[in-house]
Amino acid sequence: MNISRIRTTDSGEGEYTDLFEAIAQNIAQKGYSIHHNAMHPALAESLLLNVQNMEETQFKAAGVGRENKYTVNSFVRTDEVCWIMGETDVEQDWLEWAGTLQRFLNRRLFLGLFSFESHFAHYAPGNFYKKHKDAFKGEANRVLSLIVYLNPSWQPEDGGELLIHTDLTTQPEIKVTPGFGTVVLFLSEEFPHEVLRTNRDRYSIAGWFRVNSSCTERVDPAL
């Protein structure tokens, strides 16, 4: 498949301006934002082709925690991940898109987002990720979580939904089907979430916008 690279306007936002504005408003008002079929089809298809063509050895069992606290715990999660380093054209396109969103949100919401990290995630049939948070209060490195789903023709019986837990009595849970091109963002410290057991291969990108929490002892994020 020959997919042309995505072009944007001089501002870098292009046709995503309306999406980015909706995301900014949602994050400001309720802390999360969900948009179905929002990713440009050409970019989404390129990302899906990229992940499908990767060698199995490029994926590693996902763990929990960071640095010396990092452990692989199959009781908590069973997916596999491959970190995105911008080594292909489509990975560079993805990082450019995320960078454009980062600049837009900093301009609109003054979040102070400093860097971005992301990985491809593969959930084989039977895989899951139990309830967790992407960041904890007082450890303000990950500020905003981003997920993009790469699963064409996803059906209800396929499972694998993202379940976002809220503190609202009117809507304590938000269930998101991981359909192709769906874009989800939420404040990393505020929303526990989980991935329900999937019944077919499930692909996504998970990413985190981070602030600069460097101190005299360490640089975080690493430059």
N, C-alpha and C. Protein backbone atom coordinates (compact mmCIF):
# COMPACT_ATOMS: atom_id res chain seq x y z
N MET A 1 0.85 -1.19 0.00
CA MET A 1 0.00 0.00 0.00
C MET A 1 0.88 1.24 0.00
N ASN A 2 0.61 2.18 -0.89
CA ASN A 2 1.39 3.40 -0.97
C ASN A 2 0.57 4.53 -0.39
N ILE A 3 0.94 5.00 0.80
CA ILE A 3 0.21 6.05 1.47
C ILE A 3 1.05 7.32 1.44
N SER A 4 0.49 8.41 0.89
CA SER A 4 1.23 9.65 0.87
C SER A 4 1.30 10.25 2.26
N ARG A 5 2.35 11.00 2.53
CA ARG A 5 2.52 11.59 3.84
C ARG A 5 1.51 12.72 4.01
N ILE A 6 1.08 12.94 5.26
CA ILE A 6 0.06 13.93 5.56
C ILE A 6 0.65 15.32 5.45
N ARG A 7 -0.07 16.20 4.76
CA ARG A 7 0.36 17.58 4.64
C ARG A 7 -0.54 18.46 5.50
N THR A 8 0.04 19.49 6.07
CA THR A 8 -0.73 20.41 6.89
C THR A 8 -0.50 21.82 6.41
N THR A 9 -1.25 22.76 6.97
CA THR A 9 -1.05 24.15 6.64
C THR A 9 0.22 24.66 7.33
N ASP A 10 0.55 25.91 7.08
CA ASP A 10 1.75 26.47 7.68
C ASP A 10 1.69 26.45 9.20
N SER A 11 0.48 26.52 9.75
CA SER A 11 0.34 26.48 11.20
C SER A 11 0.61 25.09 11.75
N GLY A 12 0.59 24.07 10.87
CA GLY A 12 0.80 22.70 11.30
C GLY A 12 -0.48 21.99 11.69
N GLU A 13 -1.59 22.72 11.81
CA GLU A 13 -2.82 22.11 12.30
C GLU A 13 -3.70 21.57 11.18
N GLY A 14 -3.71 22.26 10.02
CA GLY A 14 -4.45 21.77 8.88
C GLY A 14 -5.89 21.45 9.20
N GLU A 15 -6.36 20.31 8.69
CA GLU A 15 -7.76 19.94 8.89
C GLU A 15 -8.07 19.51 10.31
N TYR A 16 -7.05 19.42 11.18
CA TYR A 16 -7.27 18.99 12.56
C TYR A 16 -7.64 20.13 13.50
N THR A 17 -7.72 21.35 12.98
CA THR A 17 -7.99 22.49 13.86
C THR A 17 -9.28 22.28 14.65
N ASP A 18 -10.35 21.87 14.00
CA ASP A 18 -11.62 21.67 14.70
C ASP A 18 -11.50 20.56 15.75
N LEU A 19 -10.82 19.47 15.40
CA LEU A 19 -10.62 18.38 16.35
C LEU A 19 -9.82 18.86 17.55
N PHE A 20 -8.73 19.56 17.31
CA PHE A 20 -7.89 20.03 18.40
C PHE A 20 -8.65 20.99 19.31
N GLU A 21 -9.47 21.85 18.72
CA GLU A 21 -10.26 22.77 19.52
C GLU A 21 -11.28 22.02 20.37
N ALA A 22 -11.92 21.00 19.79
CA ALA A 22 -12.87 20.18 20.56
C ALA A 22 -12.17 19.47 21.71
N ILE A 23 -10.97 18.95 21.44
CA ILE A 23 -10.19 18.29 22.49
C ILE A 23 -9.89 19.27 23.62
N ALA A 24 -9.43 20.46 23.27
CA ALA A 24 -9.10 21.46 24.28
C ALA A 24 -10.31 21.80 25.14
N GLN A 25 -11.46 22.00 24.51
CA GLN A 25 -12.66 22.33 25.26
C GLN A 25 -13.08 21.18 26.17
N ASN A 26 -13.02 19.96 25.66
CA ASN A 26 -13.39 18.79 26.47
C ASN A 26 -12.48 18.65 27.68
N ILE A 27 -11.17 18.77 27.47
CA ILE A 27 -10.22 18.61 28.58
C ILE A 27 -10.46 19.69 29.63
N ALA A 28 -10.72 20.91 29.18
CA ALA A 28 -10.95 22.00 30.12
C ALA A 28 -12.23 21.80 30.92
N GLN A 29 -13.27 21.25 30.27
CA GLN A 29 -14.59 21.16 30.89
C GLN A 29 -14.78 19.89 31.71
N LYS A 30 -14.25 18.75 31.22
CA LYS A 30 -14.52 17.50 31.91
C LYS A 30 -13.33 16.58 32.09
N GLY A 31 -12.19 16.94 31.53
CA GLY A 31 -10.98 16.18 31.77
C GLY A 31 -10.72 15.04 30.82
N TYR A 32 -11.63 14.75 29.91
CA TYR A 32 -11.42 13.70 28.92
C TYR A 32 -12.08 14.09 27.61
N SER A 33 -11.67 13.42 26.54
CA SER A 33 -12.18 13.75 25.21
C SER A 33 -12.15 12.49 24.35
N ILE A 34 -13.27 12.17 23.71
CA ILE A 34 -13.40 10.95 22.90
C ILE A 34 -13.94 11.33 21.53
N HIS A 35 -13.25 10.90 20.46
CA HIS A 35 -13.65 11.26 19.11
C HIS A 35 -13.52 10.04 18.20
N HIS A 36 -14.64 9.58 17.68
CA HIS A 36 -14.65 8.41 16.80
C HIS A 36 -14.32 8.83 15.37
N ASN A 37 -13.58 7.96 14.67
CA ASN A 37 -13.20 8.20 13.27
C ASN A 37 -12.54 9.56 13.08
N ALA A 38 -11.72 9.97 14.03
CA ALA A 38 -11.16 11.32 14.02
C ALA A 38 -9.78 11.39 13.36
N MET A 39 -9.03 10.32 13.41
CA MET A 39 -7.70 10.31 12.81
C MET A 39 -7.81 10.28 11.28
N HIS A 40 -6.99 11.07 10.60
CA HIS A 40 -6.99 11.10 9.14
C HIS A 40 -6.82 9.67 8.62
N PRO A 41 -7.71 9.21 7.72
CA PRO A 41 -7.64 7.81 7.26
C PRO A 41 -6.28 7.40 6.71
N ALA A 42 -5.64 8.29 5.98
CA ALA A 42 -4.34 7.93 5.39
C ALA A 42 -3.30 7.69 6.48
N LEU A 43 -3.28 8.54 7.50
CA LEU A 43 -2.33 8.35 8.58
C LEU A 43 -2.67 7.10 9.39
N ALA A 44 -3.95 6.90 9.68
CA ALA A 44 -4.36 5.71 10.44
C ALA A 44 -4.02 4.43 9.68
N GLU A 45 -4.27 4.42 8.38
CA GLU A 45 -3.97 3.23 7.58
C GLU A 45 -2.47 2.97 7.52
N SER A 46 -1.69 4.04 7.41
CA SER A 46 -0.23 3.88 7.40
C SER A 46 0.28 3.33 8.72
N LEU A 47 -0.28 3.81 9.83
CA LEU A 47 0.12 3.32 11.14
C LEU A 47 -0.26 1.86 11.33
N LEU A 48 -1.45 1.49 10.85
CA LEU A 48 -1.87 0.10 10.94
C LEU A 48 -0.96 -0.80 10.11
N LEU A 49 -0.66 -0.38 8.89
CA LEU A 49 0.23 -1.16 8.03
C LEU A 49 1.61 -1.30 8.67
N ASN A 50 2.08 -0.22 9.27
CA ASN A 50 3.38 -0.24 9.94
C ASN A 50 3.42 -1.27 11.06
N VAL A 51 2.40 -1.25 11.91
CA VAL A 51 2.40 -2.16 13.05
C VAL A 51 2.19 -3.60 12.62
N GLN A 52 1.40 -3.83 11.58
CA GLN A 52 1.16 -5.18 11.09
C GLN A 52 2.40 -5.79 10.44
N ASN A 53 3.27 -4.94 9.91
CA ASN A 53 4.47 -5.42 9.23
C ASN A 53 5.68 -5.54 10.15
N MET A 54 5.51 -5.20 11.41
CA MET A 54 6.62 -5.30 12.35
C MET A 54 6.92 -6.74 12.71
N GLU A 55 8.17 -7.02 13.00
CA GLU A 55 8.56 -8.35 13.44
C GLU A 55 8.05 -8.60 14.86
N GLU A 56 7.69 -9.83 15.15
CA GLU A 56 7.20 -10.17 16.49
C GLU A 56 8.23 -9.84 17.56
N THR A 57 9.51 -9.96 17.20
CA THR A 57 10.57 -9.72 18.17
C THR A 57 10.68 -8.24 18.57
N GLN A 58 10.05 -7.35 17.80
CA GLN A 58 10.08 -5.93 18.14
C GLN A 58 9.16 -5.60 19.31
N PHE A 59 8.20 -6.47 19.58
CA PHE A 59 7.28 -6.27 20.69
C PHE A 59 7.80 -6.99 21.93
N LYS A 60 7.66 -6.33 23.05
CA LYS A 60 8.08 -6.89 24.32
C LYS A 60 6.90 -6.89 25.29
N ALA A 61 6.91 -7.85 26.22
CA ALA A 61 5.86 -7.90 27.23
C ALA A 61 5.82 -6.59 27.99
N ALA A 62 4.63 -6.01 28.10
CA ALA A 62 4.49 -4.72 28.77
C ALA A 62 4.60 -4.90 30.28
N GLY A 63 5.11 -3.89 30.95
CA GLY A 63 5.25 -3.93 32.40
C GLY A 63 4.56 -2.77 33.07
N VAL A 64 4.75 -2.64 34.36
CA VAL A 64 4.20 -1.54 35.13
C VAL A 64 5.32 -0.89 35.91
N GLY A 65 5.17 0.43 36.15
CA GLY A 65 6.21 1.16 36.86
C GLY A 65 7.26 1.70 35.92
N ARG A 66 8.18 2.50 36.46
CA ARG A 66 9.24 3.10 35.67
C ARG A 66 10.59 2.83 36.32
N GLU A 67 11.62 2.84 35.49
CA GLU A 67 13.01 2.72 35.92
C GLU A 67 13.20 1.51 36.85
N ASN A 68 13.73 1.70 38.06
CA ASN A 68 14.01 0.55 38.92
C ASN A 68 12.76 -0.08 39.52
N LYS A 69 11.60 0.55 39.32
CA LYS A 69 10.34 -0.01 39.80
C LYS A 69 9.58 -0.76 38.70
N TYR A 70 10.19 -0.86 37.52
CA TYR A 70 9.53 -1.51 36.38
C TYR A 70 9.52 -3.03 36.56
N THR A 71 8.34 -3.63 36.45
CA THR A 71 8.21 -5.08 36.53
C THR A 71 7.18 -5.56 35.52
N VAL A 72 7.32 -6.77 35.06
CA VAL A 72 6.33 -7.42 34.20
C VAL A 72 5.42 -8.24 35.10
N ASN A 73 4.13 -7.95 35.06
CA ASN A 73 3.17 -8.60 35.94
C ASN A 73 1.96 -9.02 35.12
N SER A 74 1.90 -10.29 34.75
CA SER A 74 0.82 -10.78 33.90
C SER A 74 -0.53 -10.83 34.62
N PHE A 75 -0.53 -10.63 35.92
CA PHE A 75 -1.79 -10.54 36.64
C PHE A 75 -2.46 -9.19 36.36
N VAL A 76 -1.64 -8.17 36.11
CA VAL A 76 -2.14 -6.82 35.89
C VAL A 76 -2.39 -6.55 34.40
N ARG A 77 -1.44 -6.95 33.57
CA ARG A 77 -1.57 -6.68 32.12
C ARG A 77 -0.85 -7.77 31.33
N THR A 78 -1.36 -8.03 30.12
CA THR A 78 -0.79 -9.10 29.31
C THR A 78 -0.49 -8.66 27.88
N ASP A 79 -0.53 -7.36 27.62
CA ASP A 79 -0.27 -6.87 26.26
C ASP A 79 1.22 -6.79 25.98
N GLU A 80 1.56 -6.52 24.72
CA GLU A 80 2.93 -6.32 24.28
C GLU A 80 3.05 -4.93 23.67
N VAL A 81 4.22 -4.32 23.80
CA VAL A 81 4.40 -2.96 23.30
C VAL A 81 5.71 -2.83 22.55
N CYS A 82 5.75 -1.80 21.69
CA CYS A 82 6.97 -1.41 21.00
C CYS A 82 7.02 0.11 20.99
N TRP A 83 8.04 0.68 21.61
CA TRP A 83 8.14 2.13 21.72
C TRP A 83 8.41 2.76 20.36
N ILE A 84 7.81 3.90 20.12
CA ILE A 84 7.92 4.60 18.83
C ILE A 84 9.08 5.59 18.92
N MET A 85 10.07 5.39 18.06
CA MET A 85 11.28 6.19 18.09
C MET A 85 11.44 7.06 16.84
N GLY A 86 10.45 7.04 15.94
CA GLY A 86 10.53 7.85 14.73
C GLY A 86 11.46 7.29 13.69
N GLU A 87 11.58 5.97 13.64
CA GLU A 87 12.54 5.33 12.74
C GLU A 87 11.99 5.12 11.33
N THR A 88 10.70 5.32 11.12
CA THR A 88 10.10 5.21 9.79
C THR A 88 9.37 6.51 9.47
N ASP A 89 9.05 6.70 8.19
CA ASP A 89 8.34 7.92 7.79
C ASP A 89 7.02 8.06 8.52
N VAL A 90 6.29 6.95 8.63
CA VAL A 90 4.97 7.04 9.26
C VAL A 90 5.10 7.31 10.76
N GLU A 91 6.13 6.77 11.41
CA GLU A 91 6.35 7.10 12.82
C GLU A 91 6.68 8.58 12.98
N GLN A 92 7.44 9.14 12.05
CA GLN A 92 7.74 10.57 12.09
C GLN A 92 6.46 11.39 11.88
N ASP A 93 5.59 10.92 10.96
CA ASP A 93 4.31 11.61 10.75
C ASP A 93 3.48 11.60 12.03
N TRP A 94 3.47 10.44 12.71
CA TRP A 94 2.72 10.34 13.97
C TRP A 94 3.27 11.30 15.01
N LEU A 95 4.58 11.33 15.18
CA LEU A 95 5.19 12.20 16.18
C LEU A 95 4.99 13.67 15.82
N GLU A 96 4.97 13.98 14.53
CA GLU A 96 4.70 15.35 14.10
C GLU A 96 3.26 15.74 14.46
N TRP A 97 2.32 14.80 14.23
CA TRP A 97 0.92 15.06 14.57
C TRP A 97 0.77 15.29 16.07
N ALA A 98 1.39 14.44 16.88
CA ALA A 98 1.32 14.58 18.33
C ALA A 98 1.97 15.89 18.78
N GLY A 99 3.07 16.25 18.15
CA GLY A 99 3.74 17.50 18.50
C GLY A 99 2.89 18.72 18.18
N THR A 100 2.17 18.65 17.06
CA THR A 100 1.27 19.75 16.70
C THR A 100 0.15 19.88 17.72
N LEU A 101 -0.42 18.73 18.14
CA LEU A 101 -1.45 18.75 19.18
C LEU A 101 -0.88 19.31 20.48
N GLN A 102 0.33 18.92 20.84
CA GLN A 102 0.97 19.41 22.06
C GLN A 102 1.07 20.93 22.05
N ARG A 103 1.53 21.48 20.94
CA ARG A 103 1.68 22.94 20.85
C ARG A 103 0.32 23.63 20.92
N PHE A 104 -0.68 23.04 20.29
CA PHE A 104 -2.03 23.62 20.31
C PHE A 104 -2.57 23.66 21.74
N LEU A 105 -2.45 22.54 22.46
CA LEU A 105 -2.99 22.48 23.82
C LEU A 105 -2.22 23.39 24.77
N ASN A 106 -0.91 23.51 24.57
CA ASN A 106 -0.15 24.45 25.39
C ASN A 106 -0.61 25.88 25.16
N ARG A 107 -0.91 26.20 23.91
CA ARG A 107 -1.36 27.55 23.58
C ARG A 107 -2.76 27.82 24.13
N ARG A 108 -3.63 26.83 24.06
CA ARG A 108 -5.02 27.03 24.47
C ARG A 108 -5.24 26.83 25.97
N LEU A 109 -4.52 25.88 26.59
CA LEU A 109 -4.80 25.52 27.97
C LEU A 109 -3.65 25.78 28.93
N PHE A 110 -2.51 26.24 28.41
CA PHE A 110 -1.35 26.56 29.25
C PHE A 110 -0.94 25.37 30.13
N LEU A 111 -0.88 24.18 29.53
CA LEU A 111 -0.58 22.96 30.28
C LEU A 111 0.91 22.78 30.56
N GLY A 112 1.76 23.46 29.82
CA GLY A 112 3.20 23.30 30.03
C GLY A 112 3.71 21.94 29.59
N LEU A 113 3.07 21.34 28.61
CA LEU A 113 3.51 20.02 28.12
C LEU A 113 4.89 20.18 27.49
N PHE A 114 5.82 19.31 27.93
CA PHE A 114 7.23 19.48 27.59
C PHE A 114 7.71 18.43 26.59
N SER A 115 7.19 17.23 26.69
CA SER A 115 7.65 16.15 25.82
C SER A 115 6.53 15.13 25.62
N PHE A 116 6.79 14.19 24.72
CA PHE A 116 5.79 13.18 24.38
C PHE A 116 6.48 11.85 24.18
N GLU A 117 5.88 10.79 24.70
CA GLU A 117 6.38 9.42 24.50
C GLU A 117 5.19 8.54 24.11
N SER A 118 5.44 7.54 23.29
CA SER A 118 4.33 6.69 22.86
C SER A 118 4.84 5.34 22.41
N HIS A 119 3.93 4.36 22.39
CA HIS A 119 4.27 3.03 21.89
C HIS A 119 3.08 2.41 21.17
N PHE A 120 3.39 1.50 20.25
CA PHE A 120 2.38 0.62 19.70
C PHE A 120 2.02 -0.41 20.76
N ALA A 121 0.76 -0.77 20.84
CA ALA A 121 0.32 -1.81 21.77
C ALA A 121 -0.44 -2.88 21.01
N HIS A 122 -0.13 -4.13 21.32
CA HIS A 122 -0.82 -5.27 20.71
C HIS A 122 -1.41 -6.13 21.82
N TYR A 123 -2.72 -6.29 21.76
CA TYR A 123 -3.42 -7.21 22.66
C TYR A 123 -3.86 -8.42 21.84
N ALA A 124 -3.26 -9.56 22.09
CA ALA A 124 -3.68 -10.81 21.45
C ALA A 124 -4.99 -11.28 22.08
N PRO A 125 -5.71 -12.18 21.42
CA PRO A 125 -6.95 -12.70 22.02
C PRO A 125 -6.71 -13.20 23.45
N GLY A 126 -7.56 -12.75 24.36
CA GLY A 126 -7.43 -13.12 25.76
C GLY A 126 -6.68 -12.12 26.61
N ASN A 127 -6.02 -11.13 25.97
CA ASN A 127 -5.23 -10.14 26.71
C ASN A 127 -6.11 -9.07 27.35
N PHE A 128 -5.55 -8.40 28.38
CA PHE A 128 -6.28 -7.39 29.14
C PHE A 128 -5.28 -6.49 29.85
N TYR A 129 -5.80 -5.43 30.47
CA TYR A 129 -5.01 -4.57 31.35
C TYR A 129 -5.95 -4.10 32.45
N LYS A 130 -5.68 -4.51 33.67
CA LYS A 130 -6.59 -4.21 34.78
C LYS A 130 -6.57 -2.73 35.15
N LYS A 131 -7.50 -2.35 35.99
CA LYS A 131 -7.71 -0.96 36.37
C LYS A 131 -6.42 -0.34 36.93
N HIS A 132 -6.08 0.85 36.42
CA HIS A 132 -4.85 1.52 36.82
C HIS A 132 -4.94 2.99 36.46
N LYS A 133 -3.97 3.76 36.93
CA LYS A 133 -3.79 5.14 36.51
C LYS A 133 -2.46 5.26 35.78
N ASP A 134 -2.40 6.22 34.84
CA ASP A 134 -1.15 6.45 34.12
C ASP A 134 -0.17 7.32 34.90
N ALA A 135 -0.67 8.03 35.90
CA ALA A 135 0.19 8.87 36.74
C ALA A 135 -0.49 9.03 38.09
N PHE A 136 0.30 9.34 39.09
CA PHE A 136 -0.22 9.52 40.43
C PHE A 136 0.06 10.94 40.92
N LYS A 137 -0.83 11.46 41.72
CA LYS A 137 -0.67 12.81 42.25
C LYS A 137 0.65 12.91 43.00
N GLY A 138 1.34 14.04 42.77
CA GLY A 138 2.64 14.22 43.39
C GLY A 138 3.78 13.71 42.55
N GLU A 139 3.46 12.97 41.48
CA GLU A 139 4.47 12.51 40.53
C GLU A 139 4.09 13.04 39.15
N ALA A 140 4.04 14.35 39.07
CA ALA A 140 3.45 15.03 37.90
C ALA A 140 4.39 15.02 36.71
N ASN A 141 4.61 13.86 36.14
CA ASN A 141 5.36 13.82 34.89
C ASN A 141 4.41 13.60 33.71
N ARG A 142 3.63 12.53 33.75
CA ARG A 142 2.61 12.32 32.74
C ARG A 142 1.37 13.15 33.08
N VAL A 143 1.00 14.05 32.19
CA VAL A 143 -0.12 14.96 32.43
C VAL A 143 -1.35 14.55 31.63
N LEU A 144 -1.15 14.19 30.38
CA LEU A 144 -2.27 13.92 29.49
C LEU A 144 -2.00 12.63 28.72
N SER A 145 -2.93 11.69 28.79
CA SER A 145 -2.82 10.41 28.08
C SER A 145 -3.54 10.50 26.75
N LEU A 146 -2.99 9.86 25.74
CA LEU A 146 -3.54 9.86 24.39
C LEU A 146 -3.57 8.43 23.87
N ILE A 147 -4.69 8.02 23.29
CA ILE A 147 -4.82 6.70 22.68
C ILE A 147 -5.44 6.86 21.30
N VAL A 148 -4.89 6.16 20.32
CA VAL A 148 -5.48 6.10 18.98
C VAL A 148 -5.64 4.62 18.63
N TYR A 149 -6.83 4.25 18.18
CA TYR A 149 -7.12 2.85 17.87
C TYR A 149 -7.00 2.56 16.39
N LEU A 150 -6.49 1.36 16.07
CA LEU A 150 -6.15 0.98 14.69
C LEU A 150 -6.82 -0.34 14.31
N ASN A 151 -8.12 -0.46 14.59
CA ASN A 151 -8.81 -1.75 14.41
C ASN A 151 -10.02 -1.61 13.50
N PRO A 152 -9.85 -1.93 12.21
CA PRO A 152 -10.99 -1.85 11.29
C PRO A 152 -12.07 -2.87 11.64
N SER A 153 -13.32 -2.48 11.39
CA SER A 153 -14.47 -3.39 11.49
C SER A 153 -14.57 -4.07 12.85
N TRP A 154 -14.33 -3.31 13.91
CA TRP A 154 -14.44 -3.88 15.26
C TRP A 154 -15.91 -4.11 15.61
N GLN A 155 -16.22 -5.29 16.14
CA GLN A 155 -17.59 -5.68 16.46
C GLN A 155 -17.78 -5.80 17.97
N PRO A 156 -19.02 -5.64 18.47
CA PRO A 156 -19.26 -5.74 19.91
C PRO A 156 -18.74 -7.03 20.52
N GLU A 157 -18.86 -8.13 19.79
CA GLU A 157 -18.41 -9.41 20.34
C GLU A 157 -16.88 -9.53 20.40
N ASP A 158 -16.17 -8.56 19.83
CA ASP A 158 -14.70 -8.59 19.87
C ASP A 158 -14.15 -8.16 21.22
N GLY A 159 -14.97 -7.52 22.04
CA GLY A 159 -14.53 -7.10 23.37
C GLY A 159 -13.46 -6.02 23.30
N GLY A 160 -12.50 -6.07 24.26
CA GLY A 160 -11.35 -5.18 24.22
C GLY A 160 -11.64 -3.71 24.42
N GLU A 161 -12.79 -3.35 25.02
CA GLU A 161 -13.12 -1.95 25.19
C GLU A 161 -12.23 -1.28 26.24
N LEU A 162 -12.00 0.01 26.06
CA LEU A 162 -11.40 0.83 27.10
C LEU A 162 -12.50 1.25 28.06
N LEU A 163 -12.28 1.05 29.35
CA LEU A 163 -13.25 1.44 30.37
C LEU A 163 -12.62 2.54 31.22
N ILE A 164 -13.17 3.74 31.12
CA ILE A 164 -12.69 4.89 31.89
C ILE A 164 -13.59 5.07 33.09
N HIS A 165 -13.01 5.10 34.27
CA HIS A 165 -13.78 5.26 35.51
C HIS A 165 -13.80 6.73 35.91
N THR A 166 -14.98 7.23 36.24
CA THR A 166 -15.14 8.61 36.66
C THR A 166 -15.67 8.65 38.10
N ASP A 167 -15.74 9.84 38.67
CA ASP A 167 -16.33 10.00 40.00
C ASP A 167 -17.76 10.54 39.92
N LEU A 168 -18.37 10.41 38.76
CA LEU A 168 -19.73 10.89 38.55
C LEU A 168 -20.74 9.79 38.86
N THR A 169 -21.72 10.08 39.69
CA THR A 169 -22.75 9.08 39.99
C THR A 169 -23.64 8.85 38.79
N THR A 170 -23.77 9.86 37.93
CA THR A 170 -24.62 9.73 36.75
C THR A 170 -23.97 8.90 35.65
N GLN A 171 -22.65 8.86 35.62
CA GLN A 171 -21.92 8.09 34.61
C GLN A 171 -20.59 7.63 35.19
N PRO A 172 -20.62 6.61 36.05
CA PRO A 172 -19.39 6.17 36.72
C PRO A 172 -18.38 5.49 35.80
N GLU A 173 -18.83 5.02 34.65
CA GLU A 173 -17.95 4.36 33.69
C GLU A 173 -18.26 4.82 32.29
N ILE A 174 -17.20 4.99 31.50
CA ILE A 174 -17.34 5.32 30.08
C ILE A 174 -16.67 4.22 29.29
N LYS A 175 -17.42 3.54 28.44
CA LYS A 175 -16.89 2.43 27.66
C LYS A 175 -16.63 2.91 26.23
N VAL A 176 -15.40 2.68 25.76
CA VAL A 176 -14.99 3.13 24.44
C VAL A 176 -14.62 1.92 23.59
N THR A 177 -15.32 1.74 22.49
CA THR A 177 -14.99 0.68 21.54
C THR A 177 -13.71 1.05 20.78
N PRO A 178 -12.73 0.16 20.66
CA PRO A 178 -11.46 0.50 20.03
C PRO A 178 -11.51 0.46 18.50
N GLY A 179 -12.49 1.18 17.93
CA GLY A 179 -12.67 1.19 16.49
C GLY A 179 -11.63 2.01 15.76
N PHE A 180 -11.49 1.75 14.49
CA PHE A 180 -10.45 2.36 13.66
C PHE A 180 -10.54 3.88 13.66
N GLY A 181 -9.43 4.54 13.99
CA GLY A 181 -9.36 5.99 13.93
C GLY A 181 -9.91 6.73 15.13
N THR A 182 -10.38 6.01 16.15
CA THR A 182 -10.89 6.67 17.35
C THR A 182 -9.74 7.26 18.16
N VAL A 183 -9.92 8.50 18.61
CA VAL A 183 -8.91 9.23 19.38
C VAL A 183 -9.47 9.52 20.76
N VAL A 184 -8.71 9.15 21.80
CA VAL A 184 -9.13 9.35 23.19
C VAL A 184 -8.02 10.06 23.96
N LEU A 185 -8.40 11.06 24.75
CA LEU A 185 -7.45 11.72 25.65
C LEU A 185 -8.09 11.89 27.01
N PHE A 186 -7.27 11.86 28.06
CA PHE A 186 -7.76 12.14 29.41
C PHE A 186 -6.59 12.55 30.30
N LEU A 187 -6.92 13.27 31.37
CA LEU A 187 -5.90 13.69 32.32
C LEU A 187 -5.34 12.46 33.04
N SER A 188 -4.05 12.29 32.98
CA SER A 188 -3.43 11.05 33.43
C SER A 188 -3.61 10.80 34.92
N GLU A 189 -3.61 11.84 35.72
CA GLU A 189 -3.73 11.68 37.17
C GLU A 189 -5.16 11.44 37.64
N GLU A 190 -6.14 11.79 36.79
CA GLU A 190 -7.52 11.89 37.26
C GLU A 190 -8.37 10.65 36.98
N PHE A 191 -8.04 9.87 35.98
CA PHE A 191 -8.97 8.84 35.52
C PHE A 191 -8.36 7.43 35.55
N PRO A 192 -8.76 6.62 36.52
CA PRO A 192 -8.43 5.20 36.44
C PRO A 192 -9.11 4.60 35.21
N HIS A 193 -8.46 3.62 34.60
CA HIS A 193 -9.04 3.02 33.40
C HIS A 193 -8.51 1.59 33.26
N GLU A 194 -9.13 0.84 32.38
CA GLU A 194 -8.72 -0.54 32.14
C GLU A 194 -9.06 -0.94 30.72
N VAL A 195 -8.40 -1.98 30.25
CA VAL A 195 -8.72 -2.57 28.96
C VAL A 195 -9.36 -3.93 29.22
N LEU A 196 -10.60 -4.09 28.78
CA LEU A 196 -11.31 -5.35 28.98
C LEU A 196 -10.72 -6.43 28.07
N ARG A 197 -10.90 -7.66 28.45
CA ARG A 197 -10.34 -8.78 27.71
C ARG A 197 -10.79 -8.74 26.24
N THR A 198 -9.83 -8.88 25.35
CA THR A 198 -10.14 -8.82 23.92
C THR A 198 -10.30 -10.23 23.34
N ASN A 199 -11.11 -10.34 22.31
CA ASN A 199 -11.36 -11.63 21.67
C ASN A 199 -10.74 -11.73 20.28
N ARG A 200 -10.03 -10.68 19.86
CA ARG A 200 -9.29 -10.71 18.60
C ARG A 200 -8.08 -9.81 18.74
N ASP A 201 -7.17 -9.88 17.81
CA ASP A 201 -5.99 -9.01 17.85
C ASP A 201 -6.43 -7.55 17.85
N ARG A 202 -5.86 -6.80 18.76
CA ARG A 202 -6.26 -5.41 19.00
C ARG A 202 -5.02 -4.54 18.97
N TYR A 203 -5.00 -3.53 18.10
CA TYR A 203 -3.84 -2.66 17.95
C TYR A 203 -4.20 -1.21 18.30
N SER A 204 -3.25 -0.54 18.93
CA SER A 204 -3.46 0.86 19.28
C SER A 204 -2.11 1.53 19.45
N ILE A 205 -2.15 2.85 19.59
CA ILE A 205 -1.01 3.63 20.04
C ILE A 205 -1.40 4.27 21.36
N ALA A 206 -0.58 4.12 22.36
CA ALA A 206 -0.77 4.81 23.63
C ALA A 206 0.38 5.79 23.81
N GLY A 207 0.03 7.02 24.20
CA GLY A 207 1.06 8.04 24.37
C GLY A 207 0.77 8.93 25.56
N TRP A 208 1.80 9.64 26.00
CA TRP A 208 1.67 10.50 27.17
C TRP A 208 2.43 11.80 26.94
N PHE A 209 1.71 12.91 27.13
CA PHE A 209 2.35 14.22 27.15
C PHE A 209 2.84 14.48 28.57
N ARG A 210 4.08 14.92 28.68
CA ARG A 210 4.71 15.04 29.99
C ARG A 210 5.18 16.47 30.24
N VAL A 211 5.31 16.82 31.50
CA VAL A 211 5.92 18.09 31.88
C VAL A 211 7.37 17.84 32.26
N ASN A 212 8.12 18.90 32.39
CA ASN A 212 9.51 18.80 32.77
C ASN A 212 9.60 18.77 34.30
N SER A 213 9.87 17.60 34.85
CA SER A 213 9.98 17.47 36.31
C SER A 213 11.42 17.21 36.73
N SER A 214 12.36 17.79 35.98
CA SER A 214 13.78 17.62 36.29
C SER A 214 14.13 18.21 37.65
N CYS A 215 15.14 17.64 38.28
CA CYS A 215 15.68 18.18 39.53
C CYS A 215 17.20 18.05 39.46
N THR A 216 17.87 18.44 40.52
CA THR A 216 19.33 18.42 40.49
C THR A 216 19.89 17.01 40.36
N GLU A 217 19.11 16.00 40.82
CA GLU A 217 19.60 14.62 40.80
C GLU A 217 19.37 13.92 39.45
N ARG A 218 18.36 14.36 38.70
CA ARG A 218 18.04 13.66 37.46
C ARG A 218 17.33 14.56 36.49
N VAL A 219 17.39 14.17 35.23
CA VAL A 219 16.67 14.87 34.17
C VAL A 219 15.47 14.03 33.80
N ASP A 220 14.27 14.64 33.87
CA ASP A 220 13.05 13.91 33.57
C ASP A 220 12.05 14.87 32.93
N PRO A 221 11.67 14.65 31.68
CA PRO A 221 12.06 13.52 30.82
C PRO A 221 13.52 13.65 30.35
N ALA A 222 14.11 12.51 30.05
CA ALA A 222 15.48 12.50 29.55
C ALA A 222 15.53 13.18 28.21
N LEU A 223 16.53 13.99 27.95
CA LEU A 223 16.66 14.72 26.69
C LEU A 223 17.54 13.95 25.72
